[in-house]
PDB file of all heavy atoms in Angstrom:
ATOM      1  N   ASP A   1      57.040 121.465  71.303  1.00  0.00           N
ATOM      2  CA  ASP A   1      56.180 120.408  71.833  1.00  0.00           C
ATOM      3  C   ASP A   1      56.937 119.119  72.108  1.00  0.00           C
ATOM      4  O   ASP A   1      56.336 118.118  72.498  1.00  0.00           O
ATOM      5  CB  ASP A   1      55.013 120.138  70.877  1.00  0.00           C
ATOM      6  CG  ASP A   1      55.464 119.710  69.485  1.00  0.00           C
ATOM      7  OD1 ASP A   1      56.686 119.603  69.257  1.00  0.00           O
ATOM      8  OD2 ASP A   1      54.592 119.492  68.616  1.00  0.00           O
ATOM      9  N   GLY A   2      58.253 119.101  71.883  1.00  0.00           N
ATOM     10  CA  GLY A   2      59.060 117.922  72.167  1.00  0.00           C
ATOM     11  C   GLY A   2      58.976 116.838  71.115  1.00  0.00           C
ATOM     12  O   GLY A   2      59.614 115.790  71.269  1.00  0.00           O
ATOM     13  N   ALA A   3      58.199 117.059  70.042  1.00  0.00           N
ATOM     14  CA  ALA A   3      58.064 116.040  69.011  1.00  0.00           C
ATOM     15  C   ALA A   3      59.301 115.984  68.135  1.00  0.00           C
ATOM     16  O   ALA A   3      60.015 116.975  67.953  1.00  0.00           O
ATOM     17  CB  ALA A   3      56.828 116.327  68.157  1.00  0.00           C
ATOM     18  N   LEU A   4      59.562 114.799  67.567  1.00  0.00           N
ATOM     19  CA  LEU A   4      60.610 114.605  66.581  1.00  0.00           C
ATOM     20  C   LEU A   4      59.970 114.089  65.295  1.00  0.00           C
ATOM     21  O   LEU A   4      58.862 113.533  65.320  1.00  0.00           O
ATOM     22  CB  LEU A   4      61.655 113.619  67.087  1.00  0.00           C
ATOM     23  CG  LEU A   4      62.397 113.995  68.378  1.00  0.00           C
ATOM     24  CD1 LEU A   4      63.348 112.877  68.791  1.00  0.00           C
ATOM     25  CD2 LEU A   4      63.156 115.306  68.226  1.00  0.00           C
ATOM     26  N   VAL A   5      60.662 114.269  64.171  1.00  0.00           N
ATOM     27  CA  VAL A   5      60.118 113.873  62.876  1.00  0.00           C
ATOM     28  C   VAL A   5      61.089 112.916  62.199  1.00  0.00           C
ATOM     29  O   VAL A   5      62.285 113.210  62.072  1.00  0.00           O
ATOM     30  CB  VAL A   5      59.867 115.086  61.962  1.00  0.00           C
ATOM     31  CG1 VAL A   5      59.245 114.639  60.643  1.00  0.00           C
ATOM     32  CG2 VAL A   5      58.960 116.112  62.652  1.00  0.00           C
ATOM     33  N   LEU A   6      60.576 111.755  61.791  1.00  0.00           N
ATOM     34  CA  LEU A   6      61.363 110.789  61.025  1.00  0.00           C
ATOM     35  C   LEU A   6      61.175 111.087  59.545  1.00  0.00           C
ATOM     36  O   LEU A   6      60.044 111.238  59.063  1.00  0.00           O
ATOM     37  CB  LEU A   6      60.899 109.360  61.319  1.00  0.00           C
ATOM     38  CG  LEU A   6      61.712 108.253  60.643  1.00  0.00           C
ATOM     39  CD1 LEU A   6      63.052 108.072  61.344  1.00  0.00           C
ATOM     40  CD2 LEU A   6      60.932 106.942  60.615  1.00  0.00           C
ATOM     41  N   LEU A   7      62.277 111.170  58.804  1.00  0.00           N
ATOM     42  CA  LEU A   7      62.248 111.404  57.368  1.00  0.00           C
ATOM     43  C   LEU A   7      63.019 110.288  56.668  1.00  0.00           C
ATOM     44  O   LEU A   7      64.090 109.886  57.119  1.00  0.00           O
ATOM     45  CB  LEU A   7      62.898 112.743  57.010  1.00  0.00           C
ATOM     46  CG  LEU A   7      62.326 114.007  57.642  1.00  0.00           C
ATOM     47  CD1 LEU A   7      63.189 115.208  57.276  1.00  0.00           C
ATOM     48  CD2 LEU A   7      60.885 114.231  57.202  1.00  0.00           C
ATOM     49  N   SER A   8      62.494 109.813  55.557  1.00  0.00           N
ATOM     50  CA  SER A   8      63.208 108.877  54.697  1.00  0.00           C
ATOM     51  C   SER A   8      63.189 109.446  53.297  1.00  0.00           C
ATOM     52  O   SER A   8      62.140 109.850  52.792  1.00  0.00           O
ATOM     53  CB  SER A   8      62.522 107.504  54.720  1.00  0.00           C
ATOM     54  OG  SER A   8      63.191 106.590  53.881  1.00  0.00           O
ATOM     55  N   GLY A   9      64.370 109.513  52.659  1.00  0.00           N
ATOM     56  CA  GLY A   9      64.428 110.082  51.326  1.00  0.00           C
ATOM     57  C   GLY A   9      65.842 110.214  50.824  1.00  0.00           C
ATOM     58  O   GLY A   9      66.731 109.422  51.177  1.00  0.00           O
ATOM     59  N   PHE A  10      66.067 111.232  49.975  1.00  0.00           N
ATOM     60  CA  PHE A  10      67.362 111.458  49.339  1.00  0.00           C
ATOM     61  C   PHE A  10      67.989 112.705  49.947  1.00  0.00           C
ATOM     62  O   PHE A  10      67.480 113.809  49.775  1.00  0.00           O
ATOM     63  CB  PHE A  10      67.167 111.632  47.834  1.00  0.00           C
ATOM     64  CG  PHE A  10      68.441 111.643  47.045  1.00  0.00           C
ATOM     65  CD1 PHE A  10      69.157 110.476  46.823  1.00  0.00           C
ATOM     66  CD2 PHE A  10      68.928 112.833  46.505  1.00  0.00           C
ATOM     67  CE1 PHE A  10      70.327 110.481  46.069  1.00  0.00           C
ATOM     68  CE2 PHE A  10      70.094 112.848  45.754  1.00  0.00           C
ATOM     69  CZ  PHE A  10      70.795 111.674  45.526  1.00  0.00           C
ATOM     70  N   PHE A  11      69.080 112.510  50.693  1.00  0.00           N
ATOM     71  CA  PHE A  11      69.742 113.611  51.376  1.00  0.00           C
ATOM     72  C   PHE A  11      71.248 113.549  51.107  1.00  0.00           C
ATOM     73  O   PHE A  11      71.856 112.473  51.203  1.00  0.00           O
ATOM     74  CB  PHE A  11      69.523 113.533  52.893  1.00  0.00           C
ATOM     75  CG  PHE A  11      68.075 113.540  53.307  1.00  0.00           C
ATOM     76  CD1 PHE A  11      67.399 112.347  53.540  1.00  0.00           C
ATOM     77  CD2 PHE A  11      67.389 114.733  53.471  1.00  0.00           C
ATOM     78  CE1 PHE A  11      66.070 112.347  53.935  1.00  0.00           C
ATOM     79  CE2 PHE A  11      66.068 114.743  53.865  1.00  0.00           C
ATOM     80  CZ  PHE A  11      65.399 113.551  54.092  1.00  0.00           C
ATOM     81  N   GLU A  12      71.825 114.689  50.780  1.00  0.00           N
ATOM     82  CA  GLU A  12      73.280 114.802  50.625  1.00  0.00           C
ATOM     83  C   GLU A  12      73.850 113.736  49.689  1.00  0.00           C
ATOM     84  O   GLU A  12      74.890 113.132  49.959  1.00  0.00           O
ATOM     85  CB  GLU A  12      73.965 114.763  51.996  1.00  0.00           C
ATOM     86  CG  GLU A  12      73.517 115.901  52.918  1.00  0.00           C
ATOM     87  CD  GLU A  12      74.186 115.845  54.282  1.00  0.00           C
ATOM     88  OE1 GLU A  12      75.220 115.160  54.398  1.00  0.00           O
ATOM     89  OE2 GLU A  12      73.666 116.494  55.212  1.00  0.00           O
ATOM     90  N   GLY A  13      73.120 113.490  48.608  1.00  0.00           N
ATOM     91  CA  GLY A  13      73.641 112.617  47.563  1.00  0.00           C
ATOM     92  C   GLY A  13      73.384 111.139  47.733  1.00  0.00           C
ATOM     93  O   GLY A  13      73.937 110.329  46.982  1.00  0.00           O
ATOM     94  N   GLY A  14      72.571 110.749  48.709  1.00  0.00           N
ATOM     95  CA  GLY A  14      72.306 109.330  48.893  1.00  0.00           C
ATOM     96  C   GLY A  14      71.015 109.073  49.640  1.00  0.00           C
ATOM     97  O   GLY A  14      70.376 109.984  50.171  1.00  0.00           O
ATOM     98  N   ASN A  15      70.610 107.800  49.685  1.00  0.00           N
ATOM     99  CA  ASN A  15      69.449 107.396  50.460  1.00  0.00           C
ATOM    100  C   ASN A  15      69.760 107.496  51.944  1.00  0.00           C
ATOM    101  O   ASN A  15      70.855 107.135  52.384  1.00  0.00           O
ATOM    102  CB  ASN A  15      69.057 105.957  50.125  1.00  0.00           C
ATOM    103  CG  ASN A  15      68.441 105.827  48.747  1.00  0.00           C
ATOM    104  OD1 ASN A  15      67.492 106.526  48.429  1.00  0.00           O
ATOM    105  ND2 ASN A  15      68.971 104.918  47.934  1.00  0.00           N
ATOM    106  N   GLU A  16      68.799 107.967  52.700  1.00  0.00           N
ATOM    107  CA  GLU A  16      69.045 108.153  54.128  1.00  0.00           C
ATOM    108  C   GLU A  16      67.727 108.177  54.894  1.00  0.00           C
ATOM    109  O   GLU A  16      66.702 108.650  54.389  1.00  0.00           O
ATOM    110  CB  GLU A  16      69.796 109.460  54.357  1.00  0.00           C
ATOM    111  CG  GLU A  16      70.238 109.686  55.789  1.00  0.00           C
ATOM    112  CD  GLU A  16      71.197 110.869  55.912  1.00  0.00           C
ATOM    113  OE1 GLU A  16      72.150 110.948  55.115  1.00  0.00           O
ATOM    114  OE2 GLU A  16      70.971 111.709  56.803  1.00  0.00           O
ATOM    115  N   VAL A  17      67.776 107.652  56.106  1.00  0.00           N
ATOM    116  CA  VAL A  17      66.711 107.842  57.090  1.00  0.00           C
ATOM    117  C   VAL A  17      67.291 108.750  58.163  1.00  0.00           C
ATOM    118  O   VAL A  17      68.411 108.531  58.625  1.00  0.00           O
ATOM    119  CB  VAL A  17      66.248 106.501  57.695  1.00  0.00           C
ATOM    120  CG1 VAL A  17      65.120 106.731  58.697  1.00  0.00           C
ATOM    121  CG2 VAL A  17      65.812 105.532  56.597  1.00  0.00           C
ATOM    122  N   ARG A  18      66.543 109.779  58.531  1.00  0.00           N
ATOM    123  CA  ARG A  18      67.057 110.685  59.566  1.00  0.00           C
ATOM    124  C   ARG A  18      65.939 111.118  60.505  1.00  0.00           C
ATOM    125  O   ARG A  18      64.764 111.140  60.129  1.00  0.00           O
ATOM    126  CB  ARG A  18      67.745 111.906  58.957  1.00  0.00           C
ATOM    127  CG  ARG A  18      66.922 112.720  58.009  1.00  0.00           C
ATOM    128  CD  ARG A  18      67.633 114.012  57.560  1.00  0.00           C
ATOM    129  NE  ARG A  18      68.963 113.793  57.004  1.00  0.00           N
ATOM    130  CZ  ARG A  18      69.705 114.772  56.486  1.00  0.00           C
ATOM    131  NH1 ARG A  18      69.237 116.021  56.438  1.00  0.00           N
ATOM    132  NH2 ARG A  18      70.909 114.505  56.003  1.00  0.00           N
ATOM    133  N   LEU A  19      66.326 111.435  61.712  1.00  0.00           N
ATOM    134  CA  LEU A  19      65.405 111.912  62.739  1.00  0.00           C
ATOM    135  C   LEU A  19      65.781 113.346  63.057  1.00  0.00           C
ATOM    136  O   LEU A  19      66.945 113.639  63.365  1.00  0.00           O
ATOM    137  CB  LEU A  19      65.523 111.036  63.994  1.00  0.00           C
ATOM    138  CG  LEU A  19      64.500 111.260  65.105  1.00  0.00           C
ATOM    139  CD1 LEU A  19      63.098 110.860  64.658  1.00  0.00           C
ATOM    140  CD2 LEU A  19      64.896 110.459  66.363  1.00  0.00           C
ATOM    141  N   ILE A  20      64.802 114.263  62.965  1.00  0.00           N
ATOM    142  CA  ILE A  20      65.109 115.669  63.158  1.00  0.00           C
ATOM    143  C   ILE A  20      64.212 116.290  64.235  1.00  0.00           C
ATOM    144  O   ILE A  20      63.145 115.768  64.565  1.00  0.00           O
ATOM    145  CB  ILE A  20      64.954 116.485  61.856  1.00  0.00           C
ATOM    146  CG1 ILE A  20      63.488 116.508  61.389  1.00  0.00           C
ATOM    147  CG2 ILE A  20      65.865 115.929  60.762  1.00  0.00           C
ATOM    148  CD1 ILE A  20      63.230 117.457  60.235  1.00  0.00           C
ATOM    149  N   ARG A  21      64.697 117.407  64.761  1.00  0.00           N
ATOM    150  CA  ARG A  21      63.907 118.216  65.690  1.00  0.00           C
ATOM    151  C   ARG A  21      63.010 119.163  64.904  1.00  0.00           C
ATOM    152  O   ARG A  21      63.134 119.300  63.685  1.00  0.00           O
ATOM    153  CB  ARG A  21      64.821 119.004  66.620  1.00  0.00           C
ATOM    154  CG  ARG A  21      65.763 118.135  67.441  1.00  0.00           C
ATOM    155  CD  ARG A  21      66.675 118.981  68.322  1.00  0.00           C
ATOM    156  NE  ARG A  21      67.622 118.146  69.067  1.00  0.00           N
ATOM    157  CZ  ARG A  21      68.798 117.769  68.603  1.00  0.00           C
ATOM    158  NH1 ARG A  21      69.213 118.174  67.383  1.00  0.00           N
ATOM    159  NH2 ARG A  21      69.593 117.005  69.329  1.00  0.00           N
ATOM    160  N   ARG A  22      62.141 119.844  65.614  1.00  0.00           N
ATOM    161  CA  ARG A  22      61.240 120.788  64.967  1.00  0.00           C
ATOM    162  C   ARG A  22      61.979 121.899  64.219  1.00  0.00           C
ATOM    163  O   ARG A  22      61.493 122.407  63.217  1.00  0.00           O
ATOM    164  CB  ARG A  22      60.318 121.428  66.016  1.00  0.00           C
ATOM    165  CG  ARG A  22      59.252 120.500  66.575  1.00  0.00           C
ATOM    166  CD  ARG A  22      58.275 120.093  65.510  1.00  0.00           C
ATOM    167  NE  ARG A  22      56.999 119.701  66.073  1.00  0.00           N
ATOM    168  CZ  ARG A  22      55.931 119.423  65.357  1.00  0.00           C
ATOM    169  NH1 ARG A  22      55.997 119.480  64.048  1.00  0.00           N
ATOM    170  NH2 ARG A  22      54.800 119.076  65.920  1.00  0.00           N
ATOM    171  N   ASP A  23      63.165 122.262  64.690  1.00  0.00           N
ATOM    172  CA  ASP A  23      63.918 123.330  64.035  1.00  0.00           C
ATOM    173  C   ASP A  23      64.747 122.823  62.860  1.00  0.00           C
ATOM    174  O   ASP A  23      65.466 123.589  62.215  1.00  0.00           O
ATOM    175  CB  ASP A  23      64.818 124.066  65.031  1.00  0.00           C
ATOM    176  CG  ASP A  23      65.892 123.160  65.647  1.00  0.00           C
ATOM    177  OD1 ASP A  23      66.007 121.992  65.240  1.00  0.00           O
ATOM    178  OD2 ASP A  23      66.621 123.641  66.543  1.00  0.00           O
ATOM    179  N   GLY A  24      64.658 121.522  62.556  1.00  0.00           N
ATOM    180  CA  GLY A  24      65.369 120.943  61.432  1.00  0.00           C
ATOM    181  C   GLY A  24      66.710 120.348  61.777  1.00  0.00           C
ATOM    182  O   GLY A  24      67.334 119.684  60.929  1.00  0.00           O
ATOM    183  N   SER A  25      67.224 120.568  62.972  1.00  0.00           N
ATOM    184  CA  SER A  25      68.506 119.991  63.355  1.00  0.00           C
ATOM    185  C   SER A  25      68.376 118.478  63.486  1.00  0.00           C
ATOM    186  O   SER A  25      67.317 117.948  63.828  1.00  0.00           O
ATOM    187  CB  SER A  25      69.014 120.607  64.658  1.00  0.00           C
ATOM    188  OG  SER A  25      68.088 120.396  65.713  1.00  0.00           O
ATOM    189  N   ILE A  26      69.475 117.793  63.199  1.00  0.00           N
ATOM    190  CA  ILE A  26      69.461 116.332  63.128  1.00  0.00           C
ATOM    191  C   ILE A  26      69.742 115.714  64.492  1.00  0.00           C
ATOM    192  O   ILE A  26      70.730 116.049  65.153  1.00  0.00           O
ATOM    193  CB  ILE A  26      70.496 115.839  62.102  1.00  0.00           C
ATOM    194  CG1 ILE A  26      70.131 116.350  60.704  1.00  0.00           C
ATOM    195  CG2 ILE A  26      70.573 114.317  62.097  1.00  0.00           C
ATOM    196  CD1 ILE A  26      71.172 116.029  59.646  1.00  0.00           C
ATOM    197  N   VAL A  27      68.873 114.798  64.904  1.00  0.00           N
ATOM    198  CA  VAL A  27      69.063 114.023  66.134  1.00  0.00           C
ATOM    199  C   VAL A  27      69.877 112.767  65.834  1.00  0.00           C
ATOM    200  O   VAL A  27      70.810 112.426  66.561  1.00  0.00           O
ATOM    201  CB  VAL A  27      67.698 113.642  66.738  1.00  0.00           C
ATOM    202  CG1 VAL A  27      67.886 112.755  67.975  1.00  0.00           C
ATOM    203  CG2 VAL A  27      66.887 114.881  67.075  1.00  0.00           C
ATOM    204  N   ALA A  28      69.513 112.078  64.748  1.00  0.00           N
ATOM    205  CA  ALA A  28      70.208 110.847  64.349  1.00  0.00           C
ATOM    206  C   ALA A  28      70.016 110.658  62.858  1.00  0.00           C
ATOM    207  O   ALA A  28      69.026 111.119  62.284  1.00  0.00           O
ATOM    208  CB  ALA A  28      69.663 109.641  65.108  1.00  0.00           C
ATOM    209  N   ARG A  29      70.981 109.972  62.222  1.00  0.00           N
ATOM    210  CA  ARG A  29      70.868 109.731  60.793  1.00  0.00           C
ATOM    211  C   ARG A  29      71.402 108.343  60.463  1.00  0.00           C
ATOM    212  O   ARG A  29      72.333 107.844  61.102  1.00  0.00           O
ATOM    213  CB  ARG A  29      71.581 110.799  59.973  1.00  0.00           C
ATOM    214  CG  ARG A  29      73.025 111.037  60.321  1.00  0.00           C
ATOM    215  CD  ARG A  29      73.567 112.304  59.658  1.00  0.00           C
ATOM    216  NE  ARG A  29      73.582 112.203  58.219  1.00  0.00           N
ATOM    217  CZ  ARG A  29      74.650 111.887  57.498  1.00  0.00           C
ATOM    218  NH1 ARG A  29      75.811 111.628  58.110  1.00  0.00           N
ATOM    219  NH2 ARG A  29      74.582 111.828  56.192  1.00  0.00           N
ATOM    220  N   TRP A  30      70.773 107.744  59.438  1.00  0.00           N
ATOM    221  CA  TRP A  30      71.141 106.412  58.976  1.00  0.00           C
ATOM    222  C   TRP A  30      71.344 106.452  57.458  1.00  0.00           C
ATOM    223  O   TRP A  30      70.401 106.181  56.700  1.00  0.00           O
ATOM    224  CB  TRP A  30      70.063 105.399  59.324  1.00  0.00           C
ATOM    225  CG  TRP A  30      69.809 105.172  60.782  1.00  0.00           C
ATOM    226  CD1 TRP A  30      70.317 104.181  61.558  1.00  0.00           C
ATOM    227  CD2 TRP A  30      68.953 105.958  61.631  1.00  0.00           C
ATOM    228  NE1 TRP A  30      69.836 104.283  62.840  1.00  0.00           N
ATOM    229  CE2 TRP A  30      68.992 105.373  62.926  1.00  0.00           C
ATOM    230  CE3 TRP A  30      68.151 107.089  61.446  1.00  0.00           C
ATOM    231  CZ2 TRP A  30      68.289 105.878  64.007  1.00  0.00           C
ATOM    232  CZ3 TRP A  30      67.445 107.600  62.523  1.00  0.00           C
ATOM    233  CH2 TRP A  30      67.515 107.001  63.782  1.00  0.00           C
ATOM    234  N   PRO A  31      72.531 106.798  56.957  1.00  0.00           N
ATOM    235  CA  PRO A  31      72.789 106.670  55.520  1.00  0.00           C
ATOM    236  C   PRO A  31      72.701 105.191  55.149  1.00  0.00           C
ATOM    237  O   PRO A  31      73.281 104.344  55.834  1.00  0.00           O
ATOM    238  CB  PRO A  31      74.210 107.214  55.359  1.00  0.00           C
ATOM    239  CG  PRO A  31      74.471 107.998  56.614  1.00  0.00           C
ATOM    240  CD  PRO A  31      73.688 107.319  57.691  1.00  0.00           C
ATOM    241  N   VAL A  32      71.973 104.868  54.085  1.00  0.00           N
ATOM    242  CA  VAL A  32      71.747 103.461  53.738  1.00  0.00           C
ATOM    243  C   VAL A  32      72.116 103.221  52.282  1.00  0.00           C
ATOM    244  O   VAL A  32      71.790 104.018  51.404  1.00  0.00           O
ATOM    245  CB  VAL A  32      70.293 103.029  54.014  1.00  0.00           C
ATOM    246  CG1 VAL A  32      70.010 103.082  55.519  1.00  0.00           C
ATOM    247  CG2 VAL A  32      69.276 103.892  53.274  1.00  0.00           C
ATOM    248  N   ASP A  33      72.818 102.142  52.042  1.00  0.00           N
ATOM    249  CA  ASP A  33      73.316 101.787  50.721  1.00  0.00           C
ATOM    250  C   ASP A  33      72.860 100.364  50.398  1.00  0.00           C
ATOM    251  O   ASP A  33      73.232  99.411  51.101  1.00  0.00           O
ATOM    252  CB  ASP A  33      74.845 101.884  50.708  1.00  0.00           C
ATOM    253  CG  ASP A  33      75.447 101.566  49.363  1.00  0.00           C
ATOM    254  OD1 ASP A  33      75.490 100.364  49.006  1.00  0.00           O
ATOM    255  OD2 ASP A  33      75.872 102.512  48.668  1.00  0.00           O
ATOM    256  N   TYR A  34      72.060 100.214  49.355  1.00  0.00           N
ATOM    257  CA  TYR A  34      71.514  98.898  49.025  1.00  0.00           C
ATOM    258  C   TYR A  34      72.615  97.881  48.756  1.00  0.00           C
ATOM    259  O   TYR A  34      72.568  96.745  49.244  1.00  0.00           O
ATOM    260  CB  TYR A  34      70.576  99.009  47.821  1.00  0.00           C
ATOM    261  CG  TYR A  34      70.177  97.657  47.277  1.00  0.00           C
ATOM    262  CD1 TYR A  34      69.391  96.790  48.043  1.00  0.00           C
ATOM    263  CD2 TYR A  34      70.609  97.232  46.024  1.00  0.00           C
ATOM    264  CE1 TYR A  34      69.039  95.544  47.565  1.00  0.00           C
ATOM    265  CE2 TYR A  34      70.263  95.991  45.541  1.00  0.00           C
ATOM    266  CZ  TYR A  34      69.478  95.144  46.313  1.00  0.00           C
ATOM    267  OH  TYR A  34      69.137  93.889  45.847  1.00  0.00           O
ATOM    268  N   TYR A  35      73.622  98.233  47.982  1.00  0.00           N
ATOM    269  CA  TYR A  35      74.687  97.286  47.649  1.00  0.00           C
ATOM    270  C   TYR A  35      75.435  96.817  48.901  1.00  0.00           C
ATOM    271  O   TYR A  35      75.860  95.665  48.981  1.00  0.00           O
ATOM    272  CB  TYR A  35      75.664  97.928  46.671  1.00  0.00           C
ATOM    273  CG  TYR A  35      75.311  97.732  45.212  1.00  0.00           C
ATOM    274  CD1 TYR A  35      73.996  97.711  44.784  1.00  0.00           C
ATOM    275  CD2 TYR A  35      76.305  97.576  44.257  1.00  0.00           C
ATOM    276  CE1 TYR A  35      73.668  97.532  43.457  1.00  0.00           C
ATOM    277  CE2 TYR A  35      76.002  97.395  42.914  1.00  0.00           C
ATOM    278  CZ  TYR A  35      74.675  97.372  42.518  1.00  0.00           C
ATOM    279  OH  TYR A  35      74.366  97.192  41.192  1.00  0.00           O
TER     280      TYR A  35
END
């Protein structure tokens, strides 16, 4: 359907915001570090 899903959470050992396709592949990712 062409939709994308924004996820915010704990991925690969750190905080991250990521945008994925319906099949789970990553369109874009933003690893974020508070410090």
